[in-house]
């Protein structure tokens, strides 16, 4: 073998060993100097408080909610909420892109801070790659505090951190919420990024949020404090040490990722929706219902051999508005799912599950079998292979299709052009495809869940999740009806042939059905790759 080649291999191995040792030497900073903070009281005077007061008084014990199913409106709502804030903004996200929407909202946070609003920004560190300079600039603002959840100590070679700290870094904060003045909050499935707001030329996510007012908001604020003060949340400045020449007042931090045409489109959507006026004059068409906040304790993100001195060891189902539920102890393996089970009724007639990633595990499979034996109609809407953004998760899902179909469960898979209908400006969306990202389910047309929870092992065992159970027959039935009307146009129905083979049925406008005998809109290599992945023992990580 060539000696020059051997020297190169030796040098590479030596460098990797050194990097691994350096990474192993890096430990998380102490939390002793970190302050414990809580949100402002709900009775602090503000424009939002004034606009909501009479509405909330007219609906005691209930919360008002406004669905955000349109991406442009979801962006406009966030922009309006930040601009309407006068005292505080508590912001918690799993992903915040440094793209057009992300930079516009960063800039709005800066403007809010400069007019005296206290901004607390909590980001999961798994998705902050390339953001250190930008976040440093923001963190320099006197009224902005940034904390990183489960941070990576090695900022450039993050993958090496997994070698020495996998048990911790494999657990992530998947929560998403933004709350202004402890008066109005937005929560649900959307992260911050162009693809979540129906803007871009790649895959666009079909998603769902709600904007809420009333007593549920204080529960969200309490929950934010639990995460902000948890043993996994570190001051940004204790993790990232660098001088920064960028100024936080700059509207564009990295011009090559900022699209001025898209920015204009976002501005047009904001002006068209006139959202801030609706927020401040109380004219949003709120639907009033009893809401239950369901959230993991942030302790779930700690390795099993760690303890959190700031938080109780159990996971807590946040109590609903009108009753104090007892603290419920949960097994660490399925915190959110158990919390949901404690807050919803057992399905008697109908269960509709909408989830981008569906890997029910054997336990979930047996539960669905039980419901079918009791006569419950079960429908599942998830991504097709062509629509999914995570083929590895699809490889875990494929094991469950045939068993579920044999039990009479109906399965629908979103087409990669599903929900992309109607007039669109192709300059902004190009030939975009759609991927399901909403996480919701309805029970018997009586209750509805909207949040961050996927039906997969990662959401159940590794990531922290949050969402709300909405006790509203009107909303649950509306969701059922809307999905029933959309299914023939935007999905393939998966069925078993007479020979027990999977087939995908597509119905056109003339009510004609086309049958596919393999995953539609995919090529051979995609199907082979998913098949290979399905042989690997990956389910616990999906």
Protein backbone atom coordinates (compact mmCIF):
# COMPACT_ATOMS: atom_id res chain seq x y z
CA UNK A 1 0.00 0.00 0.00
CA UNK A 2 1.22 3.52 -0.82
CA UNK A 3 3.02 5.01 2.20
CA UNK A 4 1.62 8.46 1.41
CA UNK A 5 -1.90 7.03 1.59
CA UNK A 6 -1.10 5.32 4.91
CA UNK A 7 0.19 8.62 6.33
CA UNK A 8 -3.02 10.39 5.29
CA UNK A 9 -5.16 7.73 6.97
CA UNK A 10 -3.01 7.84 10.10
CA UNK A 11 -3.23 11.66 10.27
CA UNK A 12 -6.99 11.58 9.79
CA UNK A 13 -7.45 8.98 12.54
CA UNK A 14 -5.17 10.91 14.88
CA UNK A 15 -7.09 14.14 14.26
CA UNK A 16 -10.39 12.39 14.89
CA UNK A 17 -9.07 10.94 18.15
CA UNK A 18 -7.87 14.37 19.28
CA UNK A 19 -11.20 15.94 18.39
CA UNK A 20 -13.04 13.22 20.28
CA UNK A 21 -10.86 13.76 23.36
CA UNK A 22 -11.35 17.52 23.17
CA UNK A 23 -15.08 17.00 22.85
CA UNK A 24 -15.09 14.64 25.81
CA UNK A 25 -13.31 17.28 27.88
CA UNK A 26 -16.02 19.83 27.21
CA UNK A 27 -18.68 19.73 29.89
CA UNK A 28 -21.83 21.74 30.33
CA UNK A 29 -21.46 24.92 32.39
CA UNK A 30 -22.87 25.21 35.88
CA UNK A 31 -26.41 26.50 36.29
CA UNK A 32 -25.64 28.09 39.65
CA UNK A 33 -25.32 31.59 38.18
CA UNK A 34 -28.45 31.31 36.03
CA UNK A 35 -31.44 33.27 37.30
CA UNK A 36 -34.86 31.74 37.94
CA UNK A 37 -37.53 33.79 36.18
CA UNK A 38 -41.32 33.76 35.88
CA UNK A 39 -43.76 35.37 33.48
CA UNK A 40 -45.62 38.61 34.15
CA UNK A 41 -49.01 38.48 35.86
CA UNK A 42 -52.10 38.34 33.67
CA UNK A 43 -53.57 41.42 35.34
CA UNK A 44 -50.74 43.74 34.24
CA UNK A 45 -52.45 46.46 32.14
CA UNK A 46 -51.81 46.25 28.39
CA UNK A 47 -53.60 46.83 25.11
CA UNK A 48 -54.04 43.09 24.64
CA UNK A 49 -55.45 42.74 28.15
CA UNK A 50 -57.90 45.56 27.49
CA UNK A 51 -59.06 44.09 24.16
CA UNK A 52 -59.59 40.63 25.67
CA UNK A 53 -61.15 41.58 29.01
CA UNK A 54 -64.79 41.83 27.97
CA UNK A 55 -64.59 38.75 25.74
CA UNK A 56 -63.09 36.60 28.48
CA UNK A 57 -65.61 37.91 31.02
CA UNK A 58 -68.45 36.84 28.73
CA UNK A 59 -67.11 33.26 28.59
CA UNK A 60 -66.10 32.28 32.16
CA UNK A 61 -64.07 29.08 32.38
CA UNK A 62 -63.56 28.93 28.61
CA UNK A 63 -60.80 29.99 26.25
CA UNK A 64 -61.15 31.65 22.89
CA UNK A 65 -59.33 30.08 19.97
CA UNK A 66 -58.75 31.04 16.36
CA UNK A 67 -57.48 28.30 13.99
CA UNK A 68 -54.46 29.12 11.81
CA UNK A 69 -54.59 26.62 8.97
CA UNK A 70 -53.28 28.99 6.28
CA UNK A 71 -49.51 29.47 6.21
CA UNK A 72 -49.53 33.14 5.23
CA UNK A 73 -52.06 33.98 7.93
CA UNK A 74 -50.03 32.00 10.48
CA UNK A 75 -47.03 34.22 9.71
CA UNK A 76 -49.15 37.39 9.86
CA UNK A 77 -50.53 36.31 13.24
CA UNK A 78 -47.05 35.91 14.69
CA UNK A 79 -45.92 39.22 13.29
CA UNK A 80 -49.01 40.92 14.74
CA UNK A 81 -48.55 39.27 18.13
CA UNK A 82 -44.95 40.49 18.40
CA UNK A 83 -45.92 44.01 17.34
CA UNK A 84 -48.82 44.12 19.80
CA UNK A 85 -46.68 43.11 22.80
CA UNK A 86 -46.00 45.85 25.35
CA UNK A 87 -44.39 44.04 28.28
CA UNK A 88 -43.21 40.50 27.46
CA UNK A 89 -42.71 37.91 24.75
CA UNK A 90 -42.06 34.29 25.71
CA UNK A 91 -40.94 32.36 22.63
CA UNK A 92 -40.19 28.62 22.49
CA UNK A 93 -39.34 26.71 19.28
CA UNK A 94 -37.77 23.49 18.06
CA UNK A 95 -36.68 24.98 14.69
CA UNK A 96 -36.04 28.60 13.75
CA UNK A 97 -34.66 28.96 10.23
CA UNK A 98 -32.31 31.77 9.24
CA UNK A 99 -34.39 32.29 6.08
CA UNK A 100 -36.73 35.12 5.07
CA UNK A 101 -39.49 34.43 7.60
CA UNK A 102 -36.98 33.66 10.35
CA UNK A 103 -35.02 36.87 9.77
CA UNK A 104 -38.17 38.99 9.57
CA UNK A 105 -39.40 37.62 12.90
CA UNK A 106 -35.94 37.97 14.49
CA UNK A 107 -36.01 41.60 13.44
CA UNK A 108 -39.47 42.07 14.97
CA UNK A 109 -38.19 40.65 18.26
CA UNK A 110 -35.39 43.20 18.19
CA UNK A 111 -37.81 46.05 17.54
CA UNK A 112 -40.01 44.83 20.38
CA UNK A 113 -37.02 44.72 22.74
CA UNK A 114 -35.99 48.21 21.73
CA UNK A 115 -39.39 49.58 22.70
CA UNK A 116 -39.05 47.98 26.15
CA UNK A 117 -40.56 44.51 25.74
CA UNK A 118 -38.76 41.77 27.71
CA UNK A 119 -38.09 38.96 25.21
CA UNK A 120 -37.27 35.44 26.39
CA UNK A 121 -36.25 33.17 23.49
CA UNK A 122 -35.82 29.44 24.19
CA UNK A 123 -34.55 27.38 21.25
CA UNK A 124 -33.75 23.72 20.98
CA UNK A 125 -30.06 23.68 20.07
CA UNK A 126 -30.32 20.80 17.62
CA UNK A 127 -31.42 23.17 14.85
CA UNK A 128 -29.33 26.28 15.52
CA UNK A 129 -26.48 25.27 13.19
CA UNK A 130 -25.13 28.43 11.55
CA UNK A 131 -27.10 30.72 13.86
CA UNK A 132 -24.46 31.48 16.50
CA UNK A 133 -23.55 34.88 15.03
CA UNK A 134 -27.17 35.91 14.60
CA UNK A 135 -28.16 34.77 18.08
CA UNK A 136 -25.13 36.51 19.58
CA UNK A 137 -26.28 39.75 17.96
CA UNK A 138 -29.78 39.31 19.36
CA UNK A 139 -28.50 38.32 22.79
CA UNK A 140 -26.53 41.58 23.00
CA UNK A 141 -29.80 43.54 23.07
CA UNK A 142 -30.52 44.66 26.67
CA UNK A 143 -34.10 43.30 26.68
CA UNK A 144 -33.46 39.99 24.92
CA UNK A 145 -32.47 36.83 26.78
CA UNK A 146 -31.70 33.64 24.89
CA UNK A 147 -31.40 30.16 26.35
CA UNK A 148 -30.47 26.98 24.49
CA UNK A 149 -32.18 23.71 25.35
CA UNK A 150 -29.89 20.66 25.48
CA UNK A 151 -26.97 22.56 23.93
CA UNK A 152 -24.01 21.24 21.99
CA UNK A 153 -20.77 22.33 23.59
CA UNK A 154 -18.77 21.76 20.40
CA UNK A 155 -20.23 24.33 17.99
CA UNK A 156 -18.43 23.31 14.78
CA UNK A 157 -18.13 19.53 14.99
CA UNK A 158 -21.53 18.81 16.53
CA UNK A 159 -21.65 15.22 15.35
CA UNK A 160 -18.70 14.40 17.60
CA UNK A 161 -20.78 15.38 20.63
CA UNK A 162 -23.04 12.42 20.00
CA UNK A 163 -20.10 10.08 20.57
CA UNK A 164 -19.67 11.14 24.20
CA UNK A 165 -23.11 12.53 25.09
CA UNK A 166 -25.63 10.63 22.96
CA UNK A 167 -28.05 9.86 25.80
CA UNK A 168 -28.64 13.57 26.39
CA UNK A 169 -28.39 14.96 22.85
CA UNK A 170 -30.77 12.36 21.45
CA UNK A 171 -33.53 14.02 23.53
CA UNK A 172 -34.96 17.24 22.13
CA UNK A 173 -37.49 19.95 22.96
CA UNK A 174 -40.18 19.73 20.26
CA UNK A 175 -42.51 22.37 21.83
CA UNK A 176 -43.66 25.41 19.85
CA UNK A 177 -45.32 28.50 21.32
CA UNK A 178 -45.17 32.29 21.35
CA UNK A 179 -46.97 34.30 24.05
CA UNK A 180 -47.40 38.07 24.31
CA UNK A 181 -48.00 39.87 27.63
CA UNK A 182 -49.43 36.63 29.11
CA UNK A 183 -52.61 37.52 27.18
CA UNK A 184 -52.43 35.80 23.78
CA UNK A 185 -50.54 32.70 22.69
CA UNK A 186 -49.98 30.77 19.46
CA UNK A 187 -49.17 27.08 19.69
CA UNK A 188 -49.44 24.00 17.53
CA UNK A 189 -47.30 22.23 14.95
CA UNK A 190 -45.47 25.01 13.10
CA UNK A 191 -41.81 25.83 13.49
CA UNK A 192 -40.35 29.08 12.15
CA UNK A 193 -39.27 28.84 8.51
CA UNK A 194 -40.53 29.62 5.01
CA UNK A 195 -41.66 26.05 4.39
CA UNK A 196 -44.01 26.25 7.39
CA UNK A 197 -45.64 29.44 6.11
CA UNK A 198 -46.43 28.20 2.59
CA UNK A 199 -43.52 30.00 1.01
CA UNK A 200 -40.64 28.56 -0.97
CA UNK A 201 -39.68 26.33 -3.87
CA UNK A 202 -39.00 23.11 -2.00
CA UNK A 203 -41.35 21.02 0.09
CA UNK A 204 -44.04 23.08 1.84
CA UNK A 205 -45.56 21.78 5.06
CA UNK A 206 -49.30 21.43 5.59
CA UNK A 207 -49.65 22.50 9.21
CA UNK A 208 -52.02 23.74 11.89
CA UNK A 209 -51.76 26.20 14.79
CA UNK A 210 -54.23 27.94 17.04
CA UNK A 211 -54.18 31.44 18.50
CA UNK A 212 -55.82 31.48 21.93
CA UNK A 213 -56.90 33.90 24.65
CA UNK A 214 -58.38 33.30 28.11
CA UNK A 215 -57.21 31.18 31.02
CA UNK A 216 -55.33 28.69 28.83
CA UNK A 217 -52.73 31.42 28.22
CA UNK A 218 -51.56 31.49 31.82
CA UNK A 219 -51.14 27.71 31.69
CA UNK A 220 -48.91 28.09 28.61
CA UNK A 221 -46.92 30.79 30.43
CA UNK A 222 -46.51 28.55 33.48
CA UNK A 223 -45.32 25.77 31.22
CA UNK A 224 -42.84 28.07 29.49
CA UNK A 225 -41.37 28.95 32.89
CA UNK A 226 -40.88 25.25 33.65
CA UNK A 227 -38.79 24.89 30.50
CA UNK A 228 -36.99 28.25 30.85
CA UNK A 229 -35.88 27.34 34.39
CA UNK A 230 -35.27 23.64 33.72
CA UNK A 231 -31.97 21.79 34.04
CA UNK A 232 -31.71 21.59 30.23
CA UNK A 233 -31.93 25.34 29.52
CA UNK A 234 -28.57 27.18 29.45
CA UNK A 235 -27.87 30.87 29.02
CA UNK A 236 -26.72 31.43 25.45
CA UNK A 237 -23.65 33.38 26.59
CA UNK A 238 -22.47 30.45 28.71
CA UNK A 239 -22.43 28.20 25.62
CA UNK A 240 -21.34 30.54 22.81
CA UNK A 241 -18.36 32.81 23.46
CA UNK A 242 -17.57 35.07 20.54
CA UNK A 243 -17.31 38.67 19.51
CA UNK A 244 -19.85 39.69 16.95
CA UNK A 245 -19.67 42.46 14.38
CA UNK A 246 -23.32 42.05 13.38
CA UNK A 247 -25.85 44.45 14.81
CA UNK A 248 -29.20 43.12 15.99
CA UNK A 249 -30.98 46.10 14.44
CA UNK A 250 -30.03 44.93 10.95
CA UNK A 251 -33.13 43.51 9.24
CA UNK A 252 -31.01 41.09 7.23
CA UNK A 253 -28.23 39.12 8.89
CA UNK A 254 -27.22 36.90 5.99
CA UNK A 255 -28.32 38.25 2.66
CA UNK A 256 -27.96 35.09 0.61
CA UNK A 257 -30.72 33.44 2.66
CA UNK A 258 -33.05 36.46 2.51
CA UNK A 259 -35.46 36.70 -0.43
CA UNK A 260 -36.86 40.19 -0.92
CA UNK A 261 -39.72 38.94 -3.11
CA UNK A 262 -40.79 36.60 -0.35
CA UNK A 263 -40.44 39.38 2.21
CA UNK A 264 -42.77 41.52 0.10
CA UNK A 265 -45.22 38.64 -0.09
CA UNK A 266 -45.17 38.25 3.69
CA UNK A 267 -45.73 41.98 4.03
CA UNK A 268 -48.68 41.82 1.64
CA UNK A 269 -50.19 38.98 3.66
CA UNK A 270 -49.74 40.95 6.88
CA UNK A 271 -51.39 44.05 5.46
CA UNK A 272 -54.18 42.05 3.80
CA UNK A 273 -55.11 40.16 6.95
CA UNK A 274 -54.91 43.31 9.11
CA UNK A 275 -54.26 40.94 11.99
CA UNK A 276 -52.95 43.42 14.52
CA UNK A 277 -56.12 45.51 14.35
CA UNK A 278 -58.23 42.38 14.85
CA UNK A 279 -56.07 41.46 17.87
CA UNK A 280 -56.35 44.87 19.45
CA UNK A 281 -60.03 45.52 18.82
CA UNK A 282 -61.18 42.02 19.80
CA UNK A 283 -62.76 41.34 16.40
CA UNK A 284 -61.14 37.97 15.67
CA UNK A 285 -63.79 35.30 15.21
CA UNK A 286 -62.87 33.33 18.32
CA UNK A 287 -64.48 29.98 19.04
CA UNK A 288 -65.00 29.40 22.75
CA UNK A 289 -64.30 26.05 24.33
CA UNK A 290 -62.84 24.32 27.35
CA UNK A 291 -59.12 23.76 26.67
CA UNK A 292 -56.73 21.45 28.49
CA UNK A 293 -53.00 22.04 28.09
CA UNK A 294 -51.04 18.79 27.90
CA UNK A 295 -47.28 19.03 28.17
CA UNK A 296 -44.27 16.96 29.10
CA UNK A 297 -42.17 17.90 32.06
CA UNK A 298 -38.80 19.14 30.72
CA UNK A 299 -37.18 16.40 32.82
CA UNK A 300 -38.04 14.05 29.99
CA UNK A 301 -35.11 15.56 28.06
CA UNK A 302 -32.62 14.53 30.75
CA UNK A 303 -30.74 11.23 30.56
CA UNK A 304 -32.20 8.62 32.89
CA UNK A 305 -29.24 8.82 35.27
CA UNK A 306 -29.62 12.58 35.75
CA UNK A 307 -31.93 14.41 38.11
CA UNK A 308 -33.30 17.93 37.88
CA UNK A 309 -33.02 19.86 41.11
CA UNK A 310 -35.25 22.64 39.76
CA UNK A 311 -38.23 20.45 38.84
CA UNK A 312 -40.22 17.59 40.38
CA UNK A 313 -39.30 14.18 39.05
CA UNK A 314 -42.72 13.36 37.59
CA UNK A 315 -44.36 14.61 34.44
CA UNK A 316 -47.34 16.82 35.04
CA UNK A 317 -50.58 17.10 33.15
CA UNK A 318 -51.31 20.82 33.33
CA UNK A 319 -54.67 21.27 35.02
CA UNK A 320 -57.64 22.51 32.99
CA UNK A 321 -59.35 25.81 33.67
CA UNK A 322 -62.18 24.81 35.97
CA UNK A 323 -60.80 21.94 38.05
CA UNK A 324 -57.61 21.10 39.87
CA UNK A 325 -56.59 17.65 38.74
CA UNK A 326 -54.21 15.69 40.97
CA UNK A 327 -50.61 15.46 39.94
CA UNK A 328 -50.30 12.33 37.83
CA UNK A 329 -47.21 10.12 37.85
CA UNK A 330 -46.20 8.85 34.43
CA UNK A 331 -43.76 6.25 33.22
CA UNK A 332 -40.82 7.95 31.50
CA UNK A 333 -41.48 5.97 28.32
CA UNK A 334 -44.76 7.63 27.32
CA UNK A 335 -45.33 10.88 29.18
CA UNK A 336 -47.40 12.85 26.70
CA UNK A 337 -49.44 9.88 25.52
CA UNK A 338 -50.41 9.03 29.09
CA UNK A 339 -51.23 12.66 29.77
CA UNK A 340 -53.46 12.71 26.71
CA UNK A 341 -55.18 9.51 27.80
CA UNK A 342 -55.93 11.16 31.13
CA UNK A 343 -57.49 14.21 29.49
CA UNK A 344 -59.65 12.78 26.70
CA UNK A 345 -62.59 10.40 26.61
CA UNK A 346 -62.11 6.86 25.35
CA UNK A 347 -63.25 6.66 21.70
CA UNK A 348 -66.63 4.98 21.38
CA UNK A 349 -67.48 5.56 17.72
CA UNK A 350 -64.83 7.35 15.69
CA UNK A 351 -61.11 8.16 15.89
CA UNK A 352 -59.39 10.30 13.26
CA UNK A 353 -55.58 10.55 13.52
CA UNK A 354 -53.64 13.07 11.43
CA UNK A 355 -49.88 12.79 11.84
CA UNK A 356 -46.89 13.24 9.51
CA UNK A 357 -44.98 10.38 11.14
CA UNK A 358 -46.90 7.27 12.16
CA UNK A 359 -44.99 4.50 13.93
CA UNK A 360 -47.45 3.21 16.55
CA UNK A 361 -45.18 0.49 18.01
CA UNK A 362 -46.58 -2.82 19.21
CA UNK A 363 -48.28 -1.17 22.19
CA UNK A 364 -50.10 1.31 19.96
CA UNK A 365 -51.01 -1.44 17.53
CA UNK A 366 -52.65 -3.47 20.29
CA UNK A 367 -54.59 -0.41 21.47
CA UNK A 368 -55.93 0.22 17.96
CA UNK A 369 -56.85 -3.49 17.72
CA UNK A 370 -58.81 -3.12 20.96
CA UNK A 371 -60.72 -0.11 19.63
CA UNK A 372 -61.58 -1.94 16.42
CA UNK A 373 -62.87 -4.93 18.41
CA UNK A 374 -65.17 -2.47 20.22
CA UNK A 375 -66.52 -1.21 16.90
CA UNK A 376 -64.65 2.11 16.73
CA UNK A 377 -64.09 3.45 13.20
CA UNK A 378 -60.42 4.44 12.84
CA UNK A 379 -59.01 6.60 10.07
CA UNK A 380 -55.33 7.51 9.79
CA UNK A 381 -53.96 10.26 7.54
CA UNK A 382 -50.19 10.35 7.18
CA UNK A 383 -47.56 11.07 4.54
CA UNK A 384 -46.97 8.90 1.52
CA UNK A 385 -43.38 7.99 0.71
CA UNK A 386 -43.42 10.65 -2.00
CA UNK A 387 -44.60 13.31 0.47
CA UNK A 388 -42.57 12.46 3.58
CA UNK A 389 -39.50 14.51 4.48
CA UNK A 390 -38.08 11.68 6.64
CA UNK A 391 -37.85 8.38 4.72
CA UNK A 392 -36.35 6.66 7.79
CA UNK A 393 -39.62 7.18 9.69
CA UNK A 394 -41.56 5.89 6.70
CA UNK A 395 -39.46 2.71 6.91
CA UNK A 396 -40.75 2.21 10.44
CA UNK A 397 -44.35 2.91 9.41
CA UNK A 398 -44.43 0.33 6.59
CA UNK A 399 -44.41 -2.56 9.09
CA UNK A 400 -47.83 -1.53 10.44
CA UNK A 401 -49.89 -0.93 7.28
CA UNK A 402 -50.89 -4.50 6.54
CA UNK A 403 -51.75 -5.49 10.16
CA UNK A 404 -53.90 -2.38 10.57
CA UNK A 405 -55.67 -2.83 7.25
CA UNK A 406 -56.49 -6.42 8.17
CA UNK A 407 -58.24 -5.11 11.28
CA UNK A 408 -60.35 -2.70 9.25
CA UNK A 409 -58.42 0.50 9.97
CA UNK A 410 -58.67 2.99 7.08
CA UNK A 411 -55.33 4.42 5.96
CA UNK A 412 -54.88 7.47 3.74
CA UNK A 413 -51.53 8.79 2.53
CA UNK A 414 -51.05 12.39 1.42
CA UNK A 415 -50.05 12.91 -2.20
CA UNK A 416 -46.94 14.99 -2.70
CA UNK A 417 -49.13 17.66 -4.30
CA UNK A 418 -51.86 17.36 -1.70
CA UNK A 419 -53.46 20.60 -0.42
CA UNK A 420 -51.52 22.68 -2.98
CA UNK A 421 -54.64 23.76 -4.80
CA UNK A 422 -56.04 27.10 -5.83
CA UNK A 423 -54.26 30.21 -7.19
CA UNK A 424 -50.64 30.59 -6.14
CA UNK A 425 -47.86 32.91 -7.14
CA UNK A 426 -45.37 30.53 -8.74
CA UNK A 427 -42.58 33.10 -8.29
CA UNK A 428 -42.76 32.30 -4.59
CA UNK A 429 -43.72 28.62 -4.55
CA UNK A 430 -42.19 27.29 -7.76
CA UNK A 431 -43.12 23.66 -8.34
CA UNK A 432 -43.43 23.05 -4.62
CA UNK A 433 -44.60 19.78 -3.19
CA UNK A 434 -46.52 19.41 0.04
CA UNK A 435 -45.75 17.32 3.09
CA UNK A 436 -48.07 16.81 6.03
CA UNK A 437 -46.75 18.35 9.25
CA UNK A 438 -49.95 18.92 11.26
CA UNK A 439 -50.45 16.77 14.36
CA UNK A 440 -54.09 16.44 15.39
CA UNK A 441 -56.79 13.92 16.16
CA UNK A 442 -60.52 13.93 16.84
CA UNK A 443 -62.57 11.63 19.06
CA UNK A 444 -66.24 10.87 18.38
CA UNK A 445 -66.76 14.33 16.90
CA UNK A 446 -66.53 15.73 20.46
CA UNK A 447 -62.89 16.43 21.23
CA UNK A 448 -59.93 17.64 19.20
CA UNK A 449 -56.19 17.67 19.91
CA UNK A 450 -53.79 20.13 18.25
CA UNK A 451 -50.11 20.26 19.15
CA UNK A 452 -46.58 19.03 18.47
CA UNK A 453 -47.03 15.31 19.23
CA UNK A 454 -46.28 12.81 16.47
CA UNK A 455 -47.45 9.21 16.76
CA UNK A 456 -44.00 7.70 16.90
CA UNK A 457 -41.52 6.43 19.53
CA UNK A 458 -39.45 9.63 19.46
CA UNK A 459 -42.38 11.79 20.53
CA UNK A 460 -43.44 9.25 23.14
CA UNK A 461 -40.04 8.54 24.69
CA UNK A 462 -37.38 11.04 23.67
CA UNK A 463 -38.74 14.46 22.73
CA UNK A 464 -40.74 16.82 24.91
CA UNK A 465 -44.14 17.72 23.46
CA UNK A 466 -47.06 20.04 24.15
CA UNK A 467 -50.54 20.68 22.80
CA UNK A 468 -54.13 21.35 23.77
CA UNK A 469 -57.21 19.16 24.02
CA UNK A 470 -60.20 21.14 22.76
CA UNK A 471 -63.56 20.05 24.13
CA UNK A 472 -65.68 21.41 21.29
CA UNK A 473 -68.10 19.27 19.25
CA UNK A 474 -68.37 22.10 16.70
CA UNK A 475 -64.63 22.19 16.00
CA UNK A 476 -64.20 18.41 16.08
CA UNK A 477 -67.08 17.88 13.66
CA UNK A 478 -65.86 20.67 11.39
CA UNK A 479 -62.44 19.01 11.25
CA UNK A 480 -64.00 15.65 10.45
CA UNK A 481 -66.12 17.13 7.68
CA UNK A 482 -63.22 19.09 6.17
CA UNK A 483 -61.00 16.00 6.11
CA UNK A 484 -63.76 13.81 4.65
CA UNK A 485 -64.24 16.28 1.80
CA UNK A 486 -60.50 16.60 1.14
CA UNK A 487 -59.47 12.94 1.31
CA UNK A 488 -60.48 11.89 -2.26
CA UNK A 489 -58.57 14.81 -3.81
CA UNK A 490 -55.37 14.94 -1.77
CA UNK A 491 -54.69 11.35 -0.69
CA UNK A 492 -54.21 7.81 -1.85
CA UNK A 493 -56.31 5.32 0.07
CA UNK A 494 -54.22 2.29 0.98
CA UNK A 495 -56.05 -1.04 0.79
CA UNK A 496 -55.36 -4.76 0.58
CA UNK A 497 -56.07 -6.60 -2.65
CA UNK A 498 -57.90 -9.91 -2.73
CA UNK A 499 -54.47 -11.53 -2.63
CA UNK A 500 -53.52 -9.58 0.51
CA UNK A 501 -51.12 -7.24 -1.33
CA UNK A 502 -50.93 -3.50 -0.68
CA UNK A 503 -52.43 -1.21 -3.29
CA UNK A 504 -52.94 2.56 -3.49
CA UNK A 505 -56.20 3.95 -4.88
CA UNK A 506 -56.40 7.37 -6.49
CA UNK A 507 -59.77 8.91 -7.40
CA UNK A 508 -59.98 11.66 -10.04
CA UNK A 509 -62.56 14.41 -10.57
CA UNK A 510 -64.72 12.07 -12.66
CA UNK A 511 -64.88 9.60 -9.75
CA UNK A 512 -62.67 7.18 -11.66
CA UNK A 513 -60.22 5.11 -9.63
CA UNK A 514 -56.64 4.29 -10.57
CA UNK A 515 -54.85 1.51 -8.70
CA UNK A 516 -51.11 1.52 -7.97
CA UNK A 517 -49.29 -1.62 -6.89
CA UNK A 518 -46.30 0.16 -5.40
CA UNK A 519 -45.73 3.47 -3.61
CA UNK A 520 -47.05 6.15 -6.04
CA UNK A 521 -44.87 8.96 -7.39
CA UNK A 522 -41.66 7.27 -6.26
CA UNK A 523 -38.77 5.68 -8.11
CA UNK A 524 -37.22 2.27 -7.62
CA UNK A 525 -34.26 3.60 -5.62
CA UNK A 526 -36.51 5.36 -3.12
CA UNK A 527 -38.43 2.16 -2.53
CA UNK A 528 -35.26 0.08 -2.23
CA UNK A 529 -33.79 2.54 0.28
CA UNK A 530 -36.89 2.43 2.49
CA UNK A 531 -36.89 -1.36 2.25
CA UNK A 532 -33.28 -1.53 3.41
CA UNK A 533 -33.98 0.87 6.28
CA UNK A 534 -36.98 -1.20 7.34
CA UNK A 535 -34.64 -4.15 8.02
CA UNK A 536 -32.56 -2.15 10.52
CA UNK A 537 -33.38 -1.92 14.27
CA UNK A 538 -34.19 1.80 14.13
CA UNK A 539 -37.71 1.95 15.55
CA UNK A 540 -36.78 3.23 19.01
CA UNK A 541 -35.00 6.21 17.41
CA UNK A 542 -37.78 7.16 14.96
